[in-house]
Amino acid sequence: MAKRGAIAVFIVFLGSWLLLCGLARASVSTDAKVQASIAVFKEMMDIPENSIPPFLLQQAHAIAIFPDMLKGGFLFAGNYGLGVVVEKDEDGKWGNPVFFHIVGASFGFQAGVQSTDAVLIFKSIRSVQKLYEGRITLGADASIAVGPVGRQADADTDILLRSEILSYSRSRGLFGGISFEGAVLQMDYGATADFYNQPGLLPAQILHNQDVRVPAVAGELDSVLDWYSSH
């Protein structure tokens, strides 16, 4: 009986959470999501003691930015976010954004809703290749750890050597933090098609700008990433 009750609670939670995710996505345009990604990244980088070390941006193969991720629940906690992934090309230049959503869940005595901004630094080519297969489970398909910030970077060499992906987050609300272990990143073909106004685009076409009409805001994002990578 207790097991049935737990399953029922989970089904109710899952249904409510999927509805919340759909509403969250529908309320924000893709252009606005890229603008929000730019703002979040700049705000995180403009606090030197808490910023991502520039040398990690220089070494990165890709970066994912998820502004205003939602996290909430009662007993079962979940998080959802829609954001962008930008990969570097062979010349070390940042490419065009591809949209992904991130979904995770955990069990625990938690209640409330909060908003979290997240940035993921992809340090290995393998992790990027897994990402562009369509989906990747963090911690299973690629190792992930909380990234060093500011002056801590030199001290945390073990983290830098072990982890394929480094995570950074800025949380507001009732929860104290966020775990990305077990979270799934999945390509959002619909949001990507909306942004470029061109259905059926493949990641390779976007990354190499093959017959793709690129919105101006994508160039703004590239400029911001280039600036902070070199300063």
C-alpha atoms as a PDB file:
ATOM      1  CA  MET A   1       0.000   0.000   0.000  1.00  0.00           C
ATOM      2  CA  ALA A   2       2.810   2.395   0.891  1.00  0.00           C
ATOM      3  CA  LYS A   3       4.520   1.570  -2.382  1.00  0.00           C
ATOM      4  CA  ARG A   4       1.342   2.325  -4.328  1.00  0.00           C
ATOM      5  CA  GLY A   5       1.035   5.618  -2.496  1.00  0.00           C
ATOM      6  CA  ALA A   6       4.590   6.566  -3.400  1.00  0.00           C
ATOM      7  CA  ILE A   7       3.953   5.717  -7.042  1.00  0.00           C
ATOM      8  CA  ALA A   8       0.777   7.793  -7.031  1.00  0.00           C
ATOM      9  CA  VAL A   9       2.644  10.756  -5.551  1.00  0.00           C
ATOM     10  CA  PHE A  10       5.336  10.403  -8.193  1.00  0.00           C
ATOM     11  CA  ILE A  11       2.767  10.277 -11.030  1.00  0.00           C
ATOM     12  CA  VAL A  12       1.079  13.426  -9.735  1.00  0.00           C
ATOM     13  CA  PHE A  13       4.440  15.140  -9.366  1.00  0.00           C
ATOM     14  CA  LEU A  14       5.584  14.074 -12.836  1.00  0.00           C
ATOM     15  CA  GLY A  15       2.393  15.295 -14.474  1.00  0.00           C
ATOM     16  CA  SER A  16       2.556  18.637 -12.686  1.00  0.00           C
ATOM     17  CA  TRP A  17       6.216  19.012 -13.481  1.00  0.00           C
ATOM     18  CA  LEU A  18       5.792  18.330 -17.188  1.00  0.00           C
ATOM     19  CA  LEU A  19       2.992  20.888 -17.298  1.00  0.00           C
ATOM     20  CA  LEU A  20       5.221  23.421 -15.534  1.00  0.00           C
ATOM     21  CA  CYS A  21       8.028  22.720 -17.989  1.00  0.00           C
ATOM     22  CA  GLY A  22       5.741  23.234 -20.971  1.00  0.00           C
ATOM     23  CA  LEU A  23       4.438  26.520 -19.598  1.00  0.00           C
ATOM     24  CA  ALA A  24       7.956  27.729 -18.836  1.00  0.00           C
ATOM     25  CA  ARG A  25       9.114  27.036 -22.376  1.00  0.00           C
ATOM     26  CA  ALA A  26       6.022  28.526 -24.026  1.00  0.00           C
ATOM     27  CA  SER A  27       6.346  31.793 -22.122  1.00  0.00           C
ATOM     28  CA  VAL A  28       9.792  32.735 -23.476  1.00  0.00           C
ATOM     29  CA  SER A  29      10.811  33.250 -27.107  1.00  0.00           C
ATOM     30  CA  THR A  30      14.040  31.718 -28.364  1.00  0.00           C
ATOM     31  CA  ASP A  31      15.529  35.163 -29.082  1.00  0.00           C
ATOM     32  CA  ALA A  32      14.751  36.198 -25.510  1.00  0.00           C
ATOM     33  CA  LYS A  33      16.343  32.986 -24.231  1.00  0.00           C
ATOM     34  CA  VAL A  34      19.594  33.812 -26.032  1.00  0.00           C
ATOM     35  CA  GLN A  35      19.470  37.365 -24.652  1.00  0.00           C
ATOM     36  CA  ALA A  36      18.945  35.928 -21.171  1.00  0.00           C
ATOM     37  CA  SER A  37      21.906  33.576 -21.712  1.00  0.00           C
ATOM     38  CA  ILE A  38      24.102  36.559 -22.582  1.00  0.00           C
ATOM     39  CA  ALA A  39      22.976  38.452 -19.475  1.00  0.00           C
ATOM     40  CA  VAL A  40      23.489  35.470 -17.165  1.00  0.00           C
ATOM     41  CA  PHE A  41      26.964  34.749 -18.495  1.00  0.00           C
ATOM     42  CA  LYS A  42      28.063  38.378 -18.178  1.00  0.00           C
ATOM     43  CA  GLU A  43      26.692  38.637 -14.639  1.00  0.00           C
ATOM     44  CA  MET A  44      28.510  35.466 -13.582  1.00  0.00           C
ATOM     45  CA  MET A  45      31.783  36.582 -15.168  1.00  0.00           C
ATOM     46  CA  ASP A  46      31.674  40.138 -13.795  1.00  0.00           C
ATOM     47  CA  ILE A  47      32.221  38.957 -10.202  1.00  0.00           C
ATOM     48  CA  PRO A  48      35.951  38.071 -10.282  1.00  0.00           C
ATOM     49  CA  GLU A  49      36.029  35.939  -7.142  1.00  0.00           C
ATOM     50  CA  ASN A  50      33.121  33.786  -8.395  1.00  0.00           C
ATOM     51  CA  SER A  51      33.785  33.845 -12.116  1.00  0.00           C
ATOM     52  CA  ILE A  52      34.767  31.032 -14.459  1.00  0.00           C
ATOM     53  CA  PRO A  53      38.561  31.188 -14.990  1.00  0.00           C
ATOM     54  CA  PRO A  54      39.246  32.490 -18.529  1.00  0.00           C
ATOM     55  CA  PHE A  55      41.747  29.722 -19.248  1.00  0.00           C
ATOM     56  CA  LEU A  56      38.924  27.182 -18.888  1.00  0.00           C
ATOM     57  CA  LEU A  57      36.925  29.075 -21.496  1.00  0.00           C
ATOM     58  CA  GLN A  58      39.983  29.055 -23.747  1.00  0.00           C
ATOM     59  CA  GLN A  59      40.370  25.284 -23.344  1.00  0.00           C
ATOM     60  CA  ALA A  60      36.651  24.509 -23.623  1.00  0.00           C
ATOM     61  CA  HIS A  61      35.260  22.657 -26.622  1.00  0.00           C
ATOM     62  CA  ALA A  62      31.719  23.860 -25.933  1.00  0.00           C
ATOM     63  CA  ILE A  63      29.662  25.782 -23.401  1.00  0.00           C
ATOM     64  CA  ALA A  64      26.044  25.375 -22.326  1.00  0.00           C
ATOM     65  CA  ILE A  65      24.091  28.194 -20.687  1.00  0.00           C
ATOM     66  CA  PHE A  66      20.719  27.600 -19.016  1.00  0.00           C
ATOM     67  CA  PRO A  67      19.147  30.798 -17.681  1.00  0.00           C
ATOM     68  CA  ASP A  68      16.266  30.637 -15.207  1.00  0.00           C
ATOM     69  CA  MET A  69      16.151  26.889 -14.708  1.00  0.00           C
ATOM     70  CA  LEU A  70      13.205  25.904 -12.539  1.00  0.00           C
ATOM     71  CA  LYS A  71      13.630  23.569  -9.614  1.00  0.00           C
ATOM     72  CA  GLY A  72      10.829  22.541  -7.305  1.00  0.00           C
ATOM     73  CA  GLY A  73       8.746  19.779  -5.826  1.00  0.00           C
ATOM     74  CA  PHE A  74       7.560  18.098  -2.661  1.00  0.00           C
ATOM     75  CA  LEU A  75       9.315  14.861  -1.687  1.00  0.00           C
ATOM     76  CA  PHE A  76      10.330  14.410  -5.321  1.00  0.00           C
ATOM     77  CA  ALA A  77      12.393  17.324  -6.615  1.00  0.00           C
ATOM     78  CA  GLY A  78      13.030  18.099 -10.245  1.00  0.00           C
ATOM     79  CA  ASN A  79      14.705  20.700 -12.374  1.00  0.00           C
ATOM     80  CA  TYR A  80      14.086  21.856 -15.918  1.00  0.00           C
ATOM     81  CA  GLY A  81      15.657  24.431 -18.159  1.00  0.00           C
ATOM     82  CA  LEU A  82      15.849  25.503 -21.789  1.00  0.00           C
ATOM     83  CA  GLY A  83      19.154  26.946 -22.906  1.00  0.00           C
ATOM     84  CA  VAL A  84      21.806  27.070 -25.576  1.00  0.00           C
ATOM     85  CA  VAL A  85      24.940  25.108 -26.408  1.00  0.00           C
ATOM     86  CA  VAL A  86      27.718  26.817 -28.378  1.00  0.00           C
ATOM     87  CA  GLU A  87      30.655  24.823 -29.746  1.00  0.00           C
ATOM     88  CA  LYS A  88      34.042  26.058 -30.929  1.00  0.00           C
ATOM     89  CA  ASP A  89      35.064  25.478 -34.511  1.00  0.00           C
ATOM     90  CA  GLU A  90      38.433  24.201 -35.704  1.00  0.00           C
ATOM     91  CA  ASP A  91      39.863  27.730 -35.573  1.00  0.00           C
ATOM     92  CA  GLY A  92      38.867  28.185 -31.938  1.00  0.00           C
ATOM     93  CA  LYS A  93      35.974  30.528 -32.729  1.00  0.00           C
ATOM     94  CA  TRP A  94      32.621  30.151 -31.029  1.00  0.00           C
ATOM     95  CA  GLY A  95      29.897  28.934 -33.375  1.00  0.00           C
ATOM     96  CA  ASN A  96      26.132  29.360 -33.535  1.00  0.00           C
ATOM     97  CA  PRO A  97      23.823  28.314 -30.691  1.00  0.00           C
ATOM     98  CA  VAL A  98      21.841  25.075 -30.656  1.00  0.00           C
ATOM     99  CA  PHE A  99      18.979  24.753 -28.175  1.00  0.00           C
ATOM    100  CA  PHE A 100      18.907  22.033 -25.536  1.00  0.00           C
ATOM    101  CA  HIS A 101      16.730  21.356 -22.568  1.00  0.00           C
ATOM    102  CA  ILE A 102      17.941  19.880 -19.314  1.00  0.00           C
ATOM    103  CA  VAL A 103      15.779  17.694 -17.100  1.00  0.00           C
ATOM    104  CA  GLY A 104      16.720  16.101 -13.787  1.00  0.00           C
ATOM    105  CA  ALA A 105      14.998  14.598 -10.767  1.00  0.00           C
ATOM    106  CA  SER A 106      15.974  13.570  -7.266  1.00  0.00           C
ATOM    107  CA  PHE A 107      14.236  12.135  -4.206  1.00  0.00           C
ATOM    108  CA  GLY A 108      14.263  13.844  -0.849  1.00  0.00           C
ATOM    109  CA  PHE A 109      12.292  15.827   1.685  1.00  0.00           C
ATOM    110  CA  GLN A 110      12.265  19.087  -0.229  1.00  0.00           C
ATOM    111  CA  ALA A 111       9.602  21.679  -0.940  1.00  0.00           C
ATOM    112  CA  GLY A 112       9.497  24.935  -2.829  1.00  0.00           C
ATOM    113  CA  VAL A 113      10.434  26.393  -6.169  1.00  0.00           C
ATOM    114  CA  GLN A 114      13.557  28.259  -7.131  1.00  0.00           C
ATOM    115  CA  SER A 115      15.248  29.649 -10.188  1.00  0.00           C
ATOM    116  CA  THR A 116      18.817  28.697 -11.021  1.00  0.00           C
ATOM    117  CA  ASP A 117      21.168  29.949 -13.716  1.00  0.00           C
ATOM    118  CA  ALA A 118      23.606  27.287 -14.884  1.00  0.00           C
ATOM    119  CA  VAL A 119      26.695  27.156 -17.089  1.00  0.00           C
ATOM    120  CA  LEU A 120      28.390  23.925 -18.179  1.00  0.00           C
ATOM    121  CA  ILE A 121      31.918  23.866 -19.599  1.00  0.00           C
ATOM    122  CA  PHE A 122      32.636  20.893 -21.880  1.00  0.00           C
ATOM    123  CA  LYS A 123      36.333  20.055 -21.573  1.00  0.00           C
ATOM    124  CA  SER A 124      36.508  16.986 -23.805  1.00  0.00           C
ATOM    125  CA  ILE A 125      35.668  16.384 -27.455  1.00  0.00           C
ATOM    126  CA  ARG A 126      34.062  13.085 -26.451  1.00  0.00           C
ATOM    127  CA  SER A 127      31.500  14.815 -24.244  1.00  0.00           C
ATOM    128  CA  VAL A 128      30.576  17.193 -27.080  1.00  0.00           C
ATOM    129  CA  GLN A 129      30.219  14.290 -29.518  1.00  0.00           C
ATOM    130  CA  LYS A 130      27.914  12.505 -27.076  1.00  0.00           C
ATOM    131  CA  LEU A 131      25.931  15.724 -26.708  1.00  0.00           C
ATOM    132  CA  TYR A 132      25.353  16.052 -30.435  1.00  0.00           C
ATOM    133  CA  GLU A 133      24.139  12.494 -30.702  1.00  0.00           C
ATOM    134  CA  GLY A 134      20.930  14.021 -29.362  1.00  0.00           C
ATOM    135  CA  ARG A 135      21.130  13.516 -25.612  1.00  0.00           C
ATOM    136  CA  ILE A 136      23.606  12.987 -22.808  1.00  0.00           C
ATOM    137  CA  THR A 137      23.200  11.913 -19.181  1.00  0.00           C
ATOM    138  CA  LEU A 138      25.518  13.867 -16.938  1.00  0.00           C
ATOM    139  CA  GLY A 139      27.622  11.713 -14.669  1.00  0.00           C
ATOM    140  CA  ALA A 140      26.916   8.569 -16.711  1.00  0.00           C
ATOM    141  CA  ASP A 141      27.844   9.454 -20.291  1.00  0.00           C
ATOM    142  CA  ALA A 142      30.366  12.076 -19.160  1.00  0.00           C
ATOM    143  CA  SER A 143      31.865  12.855 -15.759  1.00  0.00           C
ATOM    144  CA  ILE A 144      30.838  16.150 -14.189  1.00  0.00           C
ATOM    145  CA  ALA A 145      31.998  18.175 -11.195  1.00  0.00           C
ATOM    146  CA  VAL A 146      31.518  21.627  -9.764  1.00  0.00           C
ATOM    147  CA  GLY A 147      34.069  23.864 -11.455  1.00  0.00           C
ATOM    148  CA  PRO A 148      36.678  25.990  -9.695  1.00  0.00           C
ATOM    149  CA  VAL A 149      36.189  29.737  -9.584  1.00  0.00           C
ATOM    150  CA  GLY A 150      38.504  32.730  -9.441  1.00  0.00           C
ATOM    151  CA  ARG A 151      41.729  32.012  -7.588  1.00  0.00           C
ATOM    152  CA  GLN A 152      40.648  28.474  -6.650  1.00  0.00           C
ATOM    153  CA  ALA A 153      41.314  27.286 -10.182  1.00  0.00           C
ATOM    154  CA  ASP A 154      45.020  26.554  -9.673  1.00  0.00           C
ATOM    155  CA  ALA A 155      44.333  24.613  -6.471  1.00  0.00           C
ATOM    156  CA  ASP A 156      41.692  22.320  -7.896  1.00  0.00           C
ATOM    157  CA  THR A 157      43.863  20.511 -10.421  1.00  0.00           C
ATOM    158  CA  ASP A 158      42.334  17.103  -9.566  1.00  0.00           C
ATOM    159  CA  ILE A 159      38.889  18.341 -10.592  1.00  0.00           C
ATOM    160  CA  LEU A 160      40.286  19.807 -13.788  1.00  0.00           C
ATOM    161  CA  LEU A 161      42.036  16.569 -14.726  1.00  0.00           C
ATOM    162  CA  ARG A 162      39.225  14.154 -13.825  1.00  0.00           C
ATOM    163  CA  SER A 163      36.088  15.818 -15.108  1.00  0.00           C
ATOM    164  CA  GLU A 164      34.888  16.088 -18.688  1.00  0.00           C
ATOM    165  CA  ILE A 165      32.302  18.721 -17.771  1.00  0.00           C
ATOM    166  CA  LEU A 166      32.495  21.491 -15.162  1.00  0.00           C
ATOM    167  CA  SER A 167      29.327  23.045 -13.767  1.00  0.00           C
ATOM    168  CA  TYR A 168      28.623  26.517 -12.424  1.00  0.00           C
ATOM    169  CA  SER A 169      25.333  27.697 -10.960  1.00  0.00           C
ATOM    170  CA  ARG A 170      23.767  30.720  -9.320  1.00  0.00           C
ATOM    171  CA  SER A 171      20.700  29.918  -7.258  1.00  0.00           C
ATOM    172  CA  ARG A 172      17.879  31.986  -5.862  1.00  0.00           C
ATOM    173  CA  GLY A 173      14.914  30.919  -3.765  1.00  0.00           C
ATOM    174  CA  LEU A 174      14.296  28.190  -1.215  1.00  0.00           C
ATOM    175  CA  PHE A 175      16.886  25.568  -2.107  1.00  0.00           C
ATOM    176  CA  GLY A 176      20.531  25.861  -1.226  1.00  0.00           C
ATOM    177  CA  GLY A 177      22.003  24.342  -4.376  1.00  0.00           C
ATOM    178  CA  ILE A 178      21.570  22.096  -7.376  1.00  0.00           C
ATOM    179  CA  SER A 179      23.042  18.758  -8.440  1.00  0.00           C
ATOM    180  CA  PHE A 180      23.560  17.935 -12.111  1.00  0.00           C
ATOM    181  CA  GLU A 181      24.351  14.246 -11.532  1.00  0.00           C
ATOM    182  CA  GLY A 182      21.871  12.186 -13.530  1.00  0.00           C
ATOM    183  CA  ALA A 183      20.404  15.163 -15.343  1.00  0.00           C
ATOM    184  CA  VAL A 184      19.696  14.660 -19.047  1.00  0.00           C
ATOM    185  CA  LEU A 185      20.581  17.171 -21.756  1.00  0.00           C
ATOM    186  CA  GLN A 186      18.518  16.659 -24.895  1.00  0.00           C
ATOM    187  CA  MET A 187      18.523  18.595 -28.130  1.00  0.00           C
ATOM    188  CA  ASP A 188      15.417  20.712 -28.607  1.00  0.00           C
ATOM    189  CA  TYR A 189      14.806  20.558 -32.345  1.00  0.00           C
ATOM    190  CA  GLY A 190      11.646  22.640 -32.114  1.00  0.00           C
ATOM    191  CA  ALA A 191      13.272  25.568 -30.315  1.00  0.00           C
ATOM    192  CA  THR A 192      16.273  25.434 -32.668  1.00  0.00           C
ATOM    193  CA  ALA A 193      13.987  25.489 -35.728  1.00  0.00           C
ATOM    194  CA  ASP A 194      12.041  28.412 -34.231  1.00  0.00           C
ATOM    195  CA  PHE A 195      15.229  30.408 -33.634  1.00  0.00           C
ATOM    196  CA  TYR A 196      16.587  29.981 -37.158  1.00  0.00           C
ATOM    197  CA  ASN A 197      13.126  29.906 -38.743  1.00  0.00           C
ATOM    198  CA  GLN A 198      14.254  26.826 -40.630  1.00  0.00           C
ATOM    199  CA  PRO A 199      12.899  23.362 -39.689  1.00  0.00           C
ATOM    200  CA  GLY A 200      15.000  20.227 -39.979  1.00  0.00           C
ATOM    201  CA  LEU A 201      18.372  21.829 -39.308  1.00  0.00           C
ATOM    202  CA  LEU A 202      21.192  19.537 -38.234  1.00  0.00           C
ATOM    203  CA  PRO A 203      23.807  20.617 -35.672  1.00  0.00           C
ATOM    204  CA  ALA A 204      26.583  20.430 -38.289  1.00  0.00           C
ATOM    205  CA  GLN A 205      24.723  22.883 -40.532  1.00  0.00           C
ATOM    206  CA  ILE A 206      24.325  25.329 -37.663  1.00  0.00           C
ATOM    207  CA  LEU A 207      27.876  25.021 -36.399  1.00  0.00           C
ATOM    208  CA  HIS A 208      29.392  25.533 -39.846  1.00  0.00           C
ATOM    209  CA  ASN A 209      26.823  28.134 -40.935  1.00  0.00           C
ATOM    210  CA  GLN A 210      25.769  26.118 -44.001  1.00  0.00           C
ATOM    211  CA  ASP A 211      22.864  27.966 -45.640  1.00  0.00           C
ATOM    212  CA  VAL A 212      21.651  29.123 -42.236  1.00  0.00           C
ATOM    213  CA  ARG A 213      20.147  32.539 -41.595  1.00  0.00           C
ATOM    214  CA  VAL A 214      21.714  33.483 -38.264  1.00  0.00           C
ATOM    215  CA  PRO A 215      19.812  35.979 -36.064  1.00  0.00           C
ATOM    216  CA  ALA A 216      21.822  38.992 -34.882  1.00  0.00           C
ATOM    217  CA  VAL A 217      21.539  37.984 -31.236  1.00  0.00           C
ATOM    218  CA  ALA A 218      23.637  34.874 -31.984  1.00  0.00           C
ATOM    219  CA  GLY A 219      26.506  37.169 -33.017  1.00  0.00           C
ATOM    220  CA  GLU A 220      26.104  39.078 -29.738  1.00  0.00           C
ATOM    221  CA  LEU A 221      26.477  35.838 -27.803  1.00  0.00           C
ATOM    222  CA  ASP A 222      29.619  34.906 -29.760  1.00  0.00           C
ATOM    223  CA  SER A 223      31.136  38.342 -29.109  1.00  0.00           C
ATOM    224  CA  VAL A 224      30.548  38.038 -25.369  1.00  0.00           C
ATOM    225  CA  LEU A 225      32.061  34.538 -25.244  1.00  0.00           C
ATOM    226  CA  ASP A 226      35.076  35.682 -27.282  1.00  0.00           C
ATOM    227  CA  TRP A 227      35.657  38.707 -25.042  1.00  0.00           C
ATOM    228  CA  TYR A 228      35.586  36.813 -21.765  1.00  0.00           C
ATOM    229  CA  SER A 229      37.659  33.950 -23.197  1.00  0.00           C
ATOM    230  CA  SER A 230      40.468  36.356 -24.041  1.00  0.00           C
ATOM    231  CA  HIS A 231      40.451  38.585 -20.938  1.00  0.00           C
END
